[in-house]
Protein backbone atom coordinates (compact mmCIF):
# COMPACT_ATOMS: atom_id res chain seq x y z
CA MET A 1 -5.17 23.88 0.02
CA ILE A 2 -7.54 22.90 2.81
CA ASN A 3 -11.19 22.81 1.90
CA ARG A 4 -13.38 24.69 4.25
CA ARG A 5 -15.57 21.66 4.78
CA ASN A 6 -12.60 19.90 6.40
CA LEU A 7 -12.34 22.28 9.27
CA ILE A 8 -14.77 22.93 12.04
CA GLY A 9 -13.60 26.00 13.80
CA ALA A 10 -10.09 27.34 13.43
CA GLY A 11 -6.75 26.69 14.99
CA ALA A 12 -4.76 23.63 15.86
CA LEU A 13 -5.73 20.54 17.81
CA GLY A 14 -5.99 20.79 21.56
CA VAL A 15 -6.35 23.92 23.56
CA ALA A 16 -7.19 26.63 21.08
CA GLY A 17 -7.63 29.21 23.75
CA ALA A 18 -8.48 29.58 27.37
CA ALA A 19 -9.99 32.48 29.18
CA ALA A 20 -10.93 32.98 32.78
CA THR A 21 -12.35 35.93 34.64
CA PHE A 22 -11.26 36.11 38.24
CA SER A 23 -12.83 38.18 40.96
CA THR A 24 -11.68 38.53 44.51
CA PRO A 25 -12.83 35.31 46.14
CA THR A 26 -14.93 35.37 49.18
CA ALA A 27 -14.27 33.05 52.05
CA GLY A 28 -14.92 29.44 51.13
CA ALA A 29 -15.41 30.18 47.45
CA VAL A 30 -13.84 27.91 44.78
CA LEU A 31 -12.23 29.45 41.74
CA ALA A 32 -13.91 28.42 38.49
CA SER A 33 -11.83 26.34 36.04
CA PRO A 34 -10.74 28.11 32.85
CA ALA A 35 -13.10 27.73 29.92
CA VAL A 36 -11.36 25.59 27.26
CA SER A 37 -12.35 25.54 23.60
CA ARG A 38 -11.42 22.30 21.81
CA ASN A 39 -11.65 22.46 18.04
CA ARG A 40 -12.46 19.37 16.03
CA ARG A 41 -11.07 18.72 12.58
CA ARG A 42 -12.56 16.37 10.04
CA PHE A 43 -10.84 14.98 6.96
CA ASN A 44 -11.87 12.51 4.28
CA MET A 45 -9.77 9.61 3.03
CA VAL A 46 -10.41 8.01 -0.35
CA THR A 47 -9.04 4.54 -1.07
CA THR A 48 -8.30 2.25 -3.98
CA TRP A 49 -9.83 -0.76 -2.17
CA PRO A 50 -13.27 -2.39 -2.50
CA LYS A 51 -15.58 -1.73 0.42
CA GLY A 52 -15.03 -4.10 3.33
CA LEU A 53 -11.95 -5.75 1.83
CA PRO A 54 -10.03 -7.53 4.63
CA GLY A 55 -6.50 -6.39 5.23
CA LEU A 56 -6.24 -3.51 2.77
CA GLY A 57 -9.64 -1.95 3.37
CA THR A 58 -9.40 -2.50 7.11
CA ALA A 59 -5.90 -0.97 7.14
CA ALA A 60 -7.36 2.35 5.99
CA GLU A 61 -10.04 2.10 8.67
CA ARG A 62 -7.41 1.36 11.30
CA VAL A 63 -5.37 4.42 10.36
CA SER A 64 -8.51 6.48 10.80
CA GLN A 65 -9.35 4.86 14.14
CA ARG A 66 -5.86 5.28 15.56
CA ILE A 67 -5.76 8.96 14.64
CA SER A 68 -9.11 9.42 16.36
CA ASP A 69 -8.02 7.47 19.43
CA MET A 70 -4.71 9.32 19.80
CA THR A 71 -6.41 12.72 19.53
CA ASP A 72 -9.35 11.84 21.78
CA GLY A 73 -11.64 12.24 18.79
CA LEU A 74 -10.51 15.76 17.99
CA ILE A 75 -9.32 14.67 14.54
CA GLU A 76 -11.74 12.50 12.59
CA VAL A 77 -10.93 10.80 9.29
CA LYS A 78 -13.87 9.45 7.30
CA VAL A 79 -12.87 6.60 5.00
CA PHE A 80 -14.46 6.12 1.57
CA ALA A 81 -14.07 2.85 -0.33
CA ALA A 82 -13.16 2.80 -4.02
CA GLY A 83 -15.87 4.51 -6.06
CA GLU A 84 -17.78 5.95 -3.13
CA LEU A 85 -16.31 9.42 -3.51
CA VAL A 86 -13.97 9.07 -6.50
CA PRO A 87 -12.98 6.15 -8.77
CA PRO A 88 -10.05 4.20 -7.31
CA PHE A 89 -7.46 5.30 -9.85
CA GLU A 90 -8.44 8.95 -9.39
CA SER A 91 -7.55 8.96 -5.69
CA PHE A 92 -4.14 10.54 -6.30
CA ASP A 93 -5.54 13.43 -8.34
CA ALA A 94 -8.33 13.99 -5.81
CA VAL A 95 -5.80 14.48 -3.02
CA ALA A 96 -3.42 16.50 -5.18
CA ASN A 97 -6.14 18.99 -6.16
CA GLY A 98 -7.67 19.15 -2.69
CA SER A 99 -11.05 17.57 -3.45
CA ALA A 100 -10.04 14.84 -0.98
CA ASP A 101 -7.71 15.19 1.97
CA MET A 102 -6.00 11.80 2.07
CA TYR A 103 -5.78 8.52 0.17
CA HIS A 104 -4.85 4.95 1.06
CA GLY A 105 -3.54 3.05 -1.93
CA ALA A 106 -0.63 1.56 -3.85
CA GLU A 107 1.92 3.99 -5.26
CA TYR A 108 2.49 1.95 -8.41
CA TYR A 109 -1.00 2.96 -9.51
CA TRP A 110 0.50 6.40 -10.23
CA THR A 111 3.17 5.21 -12.69
CA ALA A 112 1.76 7.55 -15.35
CA LYS A 113 2.65 10.44 -13.03
CA SER A 114 6.20 9.22 -12.50
CA THR A 115 8.04 5.96 -13.08
CA GLY A 116 9.59 6.52 -9.66
CA PHE A 117 6.38 5.73 -7.75
CA PRO A 118 6.44 1.91 -8.13
CA PHE A 119 9.67 1.69 -6.16
CA PHE A 120 7.70 2.75 -3.08
CA THR A 121 5.22 -0.13 -3.45
CA ALA A 122 6.95 -3.09 -5.08
CA VAL A 123 9.01 -3.85 -8.16
CA PRO A 124 9.72 -7.27 -9.73
CA PHE A 125 12.52 -9.18 -7.96
CA GLY A 126 12.85 -6.22 -5.62
CA MET A 127 12.61 -5.84 -1.87
CA THR A 128 10.75 -7.93 0.68
CA ALA A 129 8.51 -6.24 3.25
CA GLN A 130 11.29 -5.89 5.82
CA GLU A 131 13.72 -4.64 3.20
CA ILE A 132 11.47 -1.91 1.83
CA MET A 133 10.82 -0.72 5.38
CA GLY A 134 14.58 -0.63 5.89
CA TRP A 135 15.18 1.38 2.72
CA ILE A 136 12.38 3.89 3.27
CA ASP A 137 13.03 4.42 6.97
CA PHE A 138 16.82 4.16 7.11
CA GLY A 139 18.27 4.07 3.59
CA GLY A 140 17.15 7.44 2.28
CA GLY A 141 13.92 6.28 0.67
CA GLN A 142 11.59 8.55 2.64
CA GLU A 143 13.50 11.68 1.67
CA LEU A 144 13.30 10.76 -2.01
CA TRP A 145 9.61 9.87 -1.65
CA ASP A 146 8.95 13.25 -0.03
CA GLU A 147 10.68 14.99 -2.92
CA LEU A 148 8.77 13.04 -5.57
CA SER A 149 5.30 13.24 -4.02
CA GLY A 150 5.95 16.86 -3.03
CA GLN A 151 6.05 17.76 -6.73
CA PHE A 152 2.33 16.91 -6.76
CA GLY A 153 1.46 18.57 -3.45
CA ILE A 154 1.28 15.33 -1.46
CA LYS A 155 3.04 13.96 1.63
CA CYS A 156 3.29 10.13 1.77
CA ILE A 157 3.77 7.71 4.65
CA GLN A 158 3.90 3.90 4.73
CA GLY A 159 0.45 2.74 5.81
CA ALA A 160 0.30 -1.07 5.31
CA ASN A 161 2.31 -3.96 3.93
CA THR A 162 0.92 -7.20 2.52
CA GLY A 163 4.15 -9.14 2.76
CA HIS A 164 4.98 -11.53 -0.05
CA GLN A 165 2.27 -11.77 -2.68
CA MET A 166 1.32 -14.62 -4.98
CA GLY A 167 1.99 -14.86 -8.70
CA GLY A 168 -1.68 -14.99 -9.60
CA TRP A 169 -4.68 -17.02 -10.71
CA PHE A 170 -4.56 -18.67 -14.14
CA ARG A 171 -7.33 -20.28 -16.13
CA LYS A 172 -4.78 -22.56 -17.81
CA GLU A 173 -1.44 -23.99 -16.72
CA ILE A 174 1.82 -22.27 -17.63
CA ARG A 175 4.23 -24.94 -18.86
CA SER A 176 6.68 -22.86 -20.90
CA LEU A 177 7.53 -19.38 -22.13
CA GLN A 178 5.21 -19.96 -25.08
CA ASP A 179 2.24 -20.00 -22.71
CA MET A 180 3.03 -16.43 -21.68
CA ALA A 181 2.73 -15.12 -25.24
CA GLY A 182 -0.62 -13.42 -25.74
CA LEU A 183 -1.65 -13.98 -22.12
CA ARG A 184 -4.04 -11.26 -20.93
CA MET A 185 -3.41 -10.66 -17.25
CA ARG A 186 -4.45 -8.16 -14.65
CA ILE A 187 -1.11 -7.03 -13.25
CA PRO A 188 -0.13 -3.41 -12.48
CA GLY A 189 3.12 -1.50 -12.15
CA GLN A 190 6.43 -2.83 -13.33
CA GLY A 191 5.05 -6.36 -13.10
CA GLY A 192 2.92 -5.48 -16.11
CA GLU A 193 6.03 -4.30 -17.98
CA VAL A 194 7.72 -7.63 -17.29
CA LEU A 195 4.67 -9.49 -18.61
CA ARG A 196 4.77 -7.45 -21.80
CA ALA A 197 8.46 -8.30 -22.20
CA LEU A 198 7.41 -11.97 -22.17
CA GLY A 199 4.81 -11.36 -24.89
CA GLY A 200 1.76 -11.00 -22.69
CA ALA A 201 -0.72 -8.13 -22.29
CA SER A 202 -1.06 -6.23 -19.02
CA VAL A 203 -4.57 -5.09 -18.12
CA ALA A 204 -5.16 -2.43 -15.43
CA LEU A 205 -8.18 -3.23 -13.27
CA ALA A 206 -9.20 -2.17 -9.79
CA GLY A 207 -9.79 -4.94 -7.27
CA GLY A 208 -13.56 -4.83 -7.54
CA GLU A 209 -13.43 -5.37 -11.32
CA ILE A 210 -11.18 -8.45 -11.45
CA TYR A 211 -13.68 -11.23 -10.74
CA GLN A 212 -16.06 -10.25 -13.53
CA ALA A 213 -13.16 -9.94 -15.98
CA LEU A 214 -12.06 -13.49 -15.12
CA GLN A 215 -15.63 -14.75 -15.27
CA THR A 216 -16.31 -13.31 -18.73
CA GLY A 217 -12.92 -14.32 -20.13
CA ALA A 218 -11.86 -10.71 -20.66
CA ILE A 219 -8.61 -11.72 -18.98
CA ASP A 220 -6.83 -15.08 -18.76
CA ALA A 221 -5.16 -14.52 -15.42
CA ALA A 222 -5.03 -12.08 -12.53
CA GLU A 223 -2.82 -11.31 -9.60
CA TRP A 224 -4.24 -9.47 -6.62
CA VAL A 225 -2.59 -9.99 -3.25
CA GLY A 226 -2.44 -13.39 -1.60
CA PRO A 227 -4.65 -16.18 -0.20
CA TRP A 228 -6.49 -14.01 2.33
CA ASN A 229 -7.65 -11.22 0.02
CA ASP A 230 -7.90 -13.49 -3.02
CA TYR A 231 -10.17 -15.90 -1.16
CA SER A 232 -12.54 -13.08 -0.16
CA LEU A 233 -12.93 -12.05 -3.82
CA GLY A 234 -13.54 -15.61 -5.01
CA PHE A 235 -10.97 -15.82 -7.81
CA HIS A 236 -10.59 -19.57 -7.20
CA ARG A 237 -14.05 -20.13 -8.64
CA GLU A 238 -12.94 -18.90 -12.08
CA ALA A 239 -9.23 -19.74 -12.31
CA PRO A 240 -8.17 -23.04 -10.68
CA PHE A 241 -4.37 -22.72 -10.98
CA TYR A 242 -2.67 -20.63 -8.27
CA TYR A 243 0.91 -19.69 -9.10
CA GLY A 244 3.63 -18.54 -6.79
CA PRO A 245 5.70 -16.99 -5.57
CA GLY A 246 4.88 -13.48 -6.72
CA PHE A 247 8.18 -12.28 -8.13
CA HIS A 248 6.53 -9.00 -9.11
CA GLU A 249 5.62 -8.05 -5.51
CA PRO A 250 7.85 -9.65 -2.89
CA GLY A 251 6.64 -7.23 -0.22
CA ALA A 252 4.07 -4.65 -1.27
CA SER A 253 4.10 -1.44 0.75
CA LEU A 254 0.90 0.63 0.68
CA ALA A 255 0.74 4.35 1.30
CA VAL A 256 -1.23 7.04 3.02
CA GLY A 257 -0.99 10.16 0.88
CA ILE A 258 -1.95 13.47 2.49
CA ASN A 259 -2.68 16.74 0.71
CA ARG A 260 0.33 18.95 1.38
CA GLY A 261 -1.81 21.87 2.47
CA VAL A 262 -3.54 19.66 5.00
CA TRP A 263 -0.21 18.24 6.20
CA ASP A 264 1.33 21.70 6.61
CA SER A 265 -1.72 22.86 8.57
CA LEU A 266 -1.06 20.24 11.24
CA THR A 267 1.07 21.04 14.27
CA ALA A 268 4.29 19.11 14.78
CA GLY A 269 2.50 17.05 17.41
CA GLU A 270 -0.37 16.24 15.06
CA GLN A 271 2.04 15.24 12.31
CA ALA A 272 3.75 12.91 14.78
CA ILE A 273 0.35 11.36 15.57
CA PHE A 274 -0.38 10.77 11.87
CA LYS A 275 3.03 9.16 11.41
CA ALA A 276 2.62 6.99 14.51
CA ALA A 277 -0.84 5.85 13.40
CA CYS A 278 0.42 4.88 9.94
CA GLU A 279 3.53 3.16 11.33
CA ALA A 280 1.48 1.11 13.77
CA VAL A 281 -0.92 -0.03 11.05
CA ASN A 282 1.97 -0.76 8.68
CA HIS A 283 3.48 -3.23 11.15
CA GLU A 284 0.12 -4.59 12.31
CA THR A 285 -1.00 -5.29 8.75
CA LEU A 286 2.16 -7.21 7.89
CA GLY A 287 1.64 -9.51 10.87
CA GLU A 288 -2.02 -9.98 10.04
CA PHE A 289 -1.36 -10.83 6.39
CA THR A 290 1.34 -13.30 7.38
CA TYR A 291 -1.07 -15.18 9.64
CA GLN A 292 -4.25 -14.89 7.58
CA ASN A 293 -2.53 -15.90 4.34
CA SER A 294 -1.52 -19.11 6.09
CA VAL A 295 -5.08 -19.77 7.25
CA HIS A 296 -6.65 -19.08 3.87
CA LEU A 297 -4.07 -20.98 1.84
CA ASP A 298 -5.04 -24.04 3.85
CA LEU A 299 -8.73 -23.37 3.09
CA LEU A 300 -8.10 -22.90 -0.63
CA VAL A 301 -6.05 -26.07 -1.00
CA ASN A 302 -7.91 -28.42 1.34
CA GLN A 303 -11.51 -27.25 0.97
CA HIS A 304 -11.66 -25.73 -2.53
CA ASN A 305 -9.21 -28.00 -4.36
CA VAL A 306 -7.11 -25.13 -5.64
CA GLN A 307 -4.12 -26.45 -7.56
CA MET A 308 -0.84 -24.84 -6.50
CA ARG A 309 1.78 -24.35 -9.17
CA SER A 310 5.25 -22.83 -9.54
CA PHE A 311 6.36 -21.00 -12.67
CA PRO A 312 8.71 -23.06 -14.89
CA GLU A 313 12.40 -22.27 -14.47
CA GLU A 314 12.69 -20.80 -17.98
CA VAL A 315 9.82 -18.43 -17.24
CA VAL A 316 11.40 -17.32 -13.94
CA LYS A 317 14.76 -16.75 -15.63
CA ARG A 318 13.23 -14.60 -18.37
CA MET A 319 11.15 -12.70 -15.81
CA SER A 320 14.31 -11.93 -13.81
CA GLU A 321 16.16 -10.65 -16.88
CA ALA A 322 13.21 -8.49 -17.92
CA ALA A 323 12.74 -7.17 -14.38
CA TYR A 324 16.27 -5.78 -14.27
CA ASP A 325 15.76 -3.99 -17.58
CA VAL A 326 12.36 -2.64 -16.50
CA ARG A 327 13.72 -1.27 -13.22
CA ALA A 328 16.64 0.39 -15.01
CA ALA A 329 14.36 1.95 -17.63
CA ALA A 330 12.12 3.35 -14.91
CA GLY A 331 15.11 5.14 -13.40
CA ALA A 332 16.58 6.58 -16.57
CA SER A 333 16.87 10.23 -15.56
CA GLY A 334 15.94 12.98 -13.14
CA ILE A 335 14.66 12.20 -9.68
CA GLU A 336 13.57 8.79 -10.96
CA LYS A 337 17.24 7.95 -11.55
CA ARG A 338 18.17 8.94 -8.02
CA ILE A 339 15.31 6.82 -6.65
CA TYR A 340 16.40 3.85 -8.76
CA GLU A 341 20.05 4.17 -7.75
CA SER A 342 19.20 4.47 -4.06
CA PHE A 343 16.85 1.49 -4.29
CA GLU A 344 19.38 -0.70 -6.10
CA LYS A 345 22.17 0.18 -3.67
CA SER A 346 20.05 -0.76 -0.67
CA LEU A 347 18.71 -3.88 -2.40
CA LYS A 348 22.25 -5.11 -3.08
CA LEU A 349 23.24 -4.57 0.54
CA MET A 350 20.18 -6.31 1.96
CA ARG A 351 20.42 -9.21 -0.48
CA GLY A 352 23.81 -9.93 1.03
CA TRP A 353 22.30 -10.11 4.51
CA ALA A 354 19.30 -12.17 3.37
CA GLY A 355 21.67 -14.63 1.73
CA VAL A 356 23.18 -15.59 5.09
CA SER A 357 20.04 -15.15 7.20
CA ASP A 358 16.43 -15.64 6.10
CA GLY A 359 17.12 -17.51 2.86
CA VAL A 360 19.45 -20.04 4.48
CA TYR A 361 17.20 -20.36 7.52
CA TYR A 362 14.09 -21.21 5.48
CA THR A 363 16.01 -23.94 3.67
CA ALA A 364 17.31 -25.33 6.94
CA ARG A 365 13.91 -25.21 8.60
CA ALA A 366 12.37 -27.17 5.73
CA LEU A 367 14.65 -30.10 6.60
CA GLY A 368 12.78 -30.64 9.83
CA LYS A 369 9.30 -32.00 10.39
C-alpha cells in the first residue's frame, strides 16, 4: 500500500490533466497555451549500506538520480543509509509493510524469509557477474524472482553488481582445514553455511559493524566485498592476511526492491524508467568495481603491505563439496526447489561456455608480459 506521504497530488507522472478555455479570437490575438498540471511523486529508499560507502552506497544514489533525470524531476527518490531510517537488516520488512517504499541491498540478507533469496545475490561456487545477469535476464531467473518476492509484496530488479569478491581478511594465516575449525568469521548467506560445514562459526554483521568486531577480536576474520570497499573501511589495519578468490561470491548481484503497491501504482512508462535506471546502474557499477578494485589492490599491497594469500587446496576442495550440499539443501522443496533447479541448469550451461572462453583466455593471457 502506498503511504500518503509518498504522493504529492494524485495521478500518474506527466500530464495529469489539461484544460483550456477558448473564446473567439480577435484579429491578431494569440491563443493561450493549455494549462498543464504536473504532479510530483516522492519515494524513500532504505539501504543496507553504510553512509557514503563507495560503489554500493553510490549505486543506490545513482538509481535515485537516474530516475529523477529520466522523469525531469517528477519522481524523486530520497536515499537513506543503513540505520538512518531503519536498521540495515530490517530494510526488507520496511518495504514489505509499506513503511518504506524501496530498498537497495543484498537478497541473501533475507535468507530467513526464504532460502531461495541467496540465489539472486551469490552462492558459493555459483555464477559470475555476467552469468547471473544471463540467468536472471534470459534464463528464467527474473520470473522466479518475481514469484518469490511477490509473496512478500515486493518487486525486485537487479540494481548493482560487485563482480568477483575476495575471500576475506584474516587475523591469522589459514594453512590447513584445521585452521578453519572454530574460526569466527563475518560471512552471510550460503557462504556462512559452508563455513559452518568446515567447523567455523558464521557471524552476521552489517558493513558498518565489521571493523569494530575485528578490532575487539569478536571475530577472527571478515569478508566484505573487494579491495575498493574493503580499503575504505580499513580492514587491513586489523587483519593483515587478504585471502582470495572469494568462492562464496563470484559475482554478487544487488537488488532494488520496490513495495508492490508502489510498483503497481506506476504507469507502464514509469515502470520502464525504473527498470532502465536500475539496469544502467547495474552495468555501470560492475565496470566501476572492476577498475577500482584494481586500483585499490595496488594500494593495499604496495603502500599498506597487505599480504595476499590463497586458500590451501584441501580447504578449497572441502569448500566446493560443502557448497554443493548447501545449494541443494536450500532448494529442497517448493518454489525454492524450482529456483535451485533453474539456477543449476543455467550454471551448468554457462560453465561449459566459460571453460572454452574466459577461463582459457585468462590462462593464456597470463603467459604474456
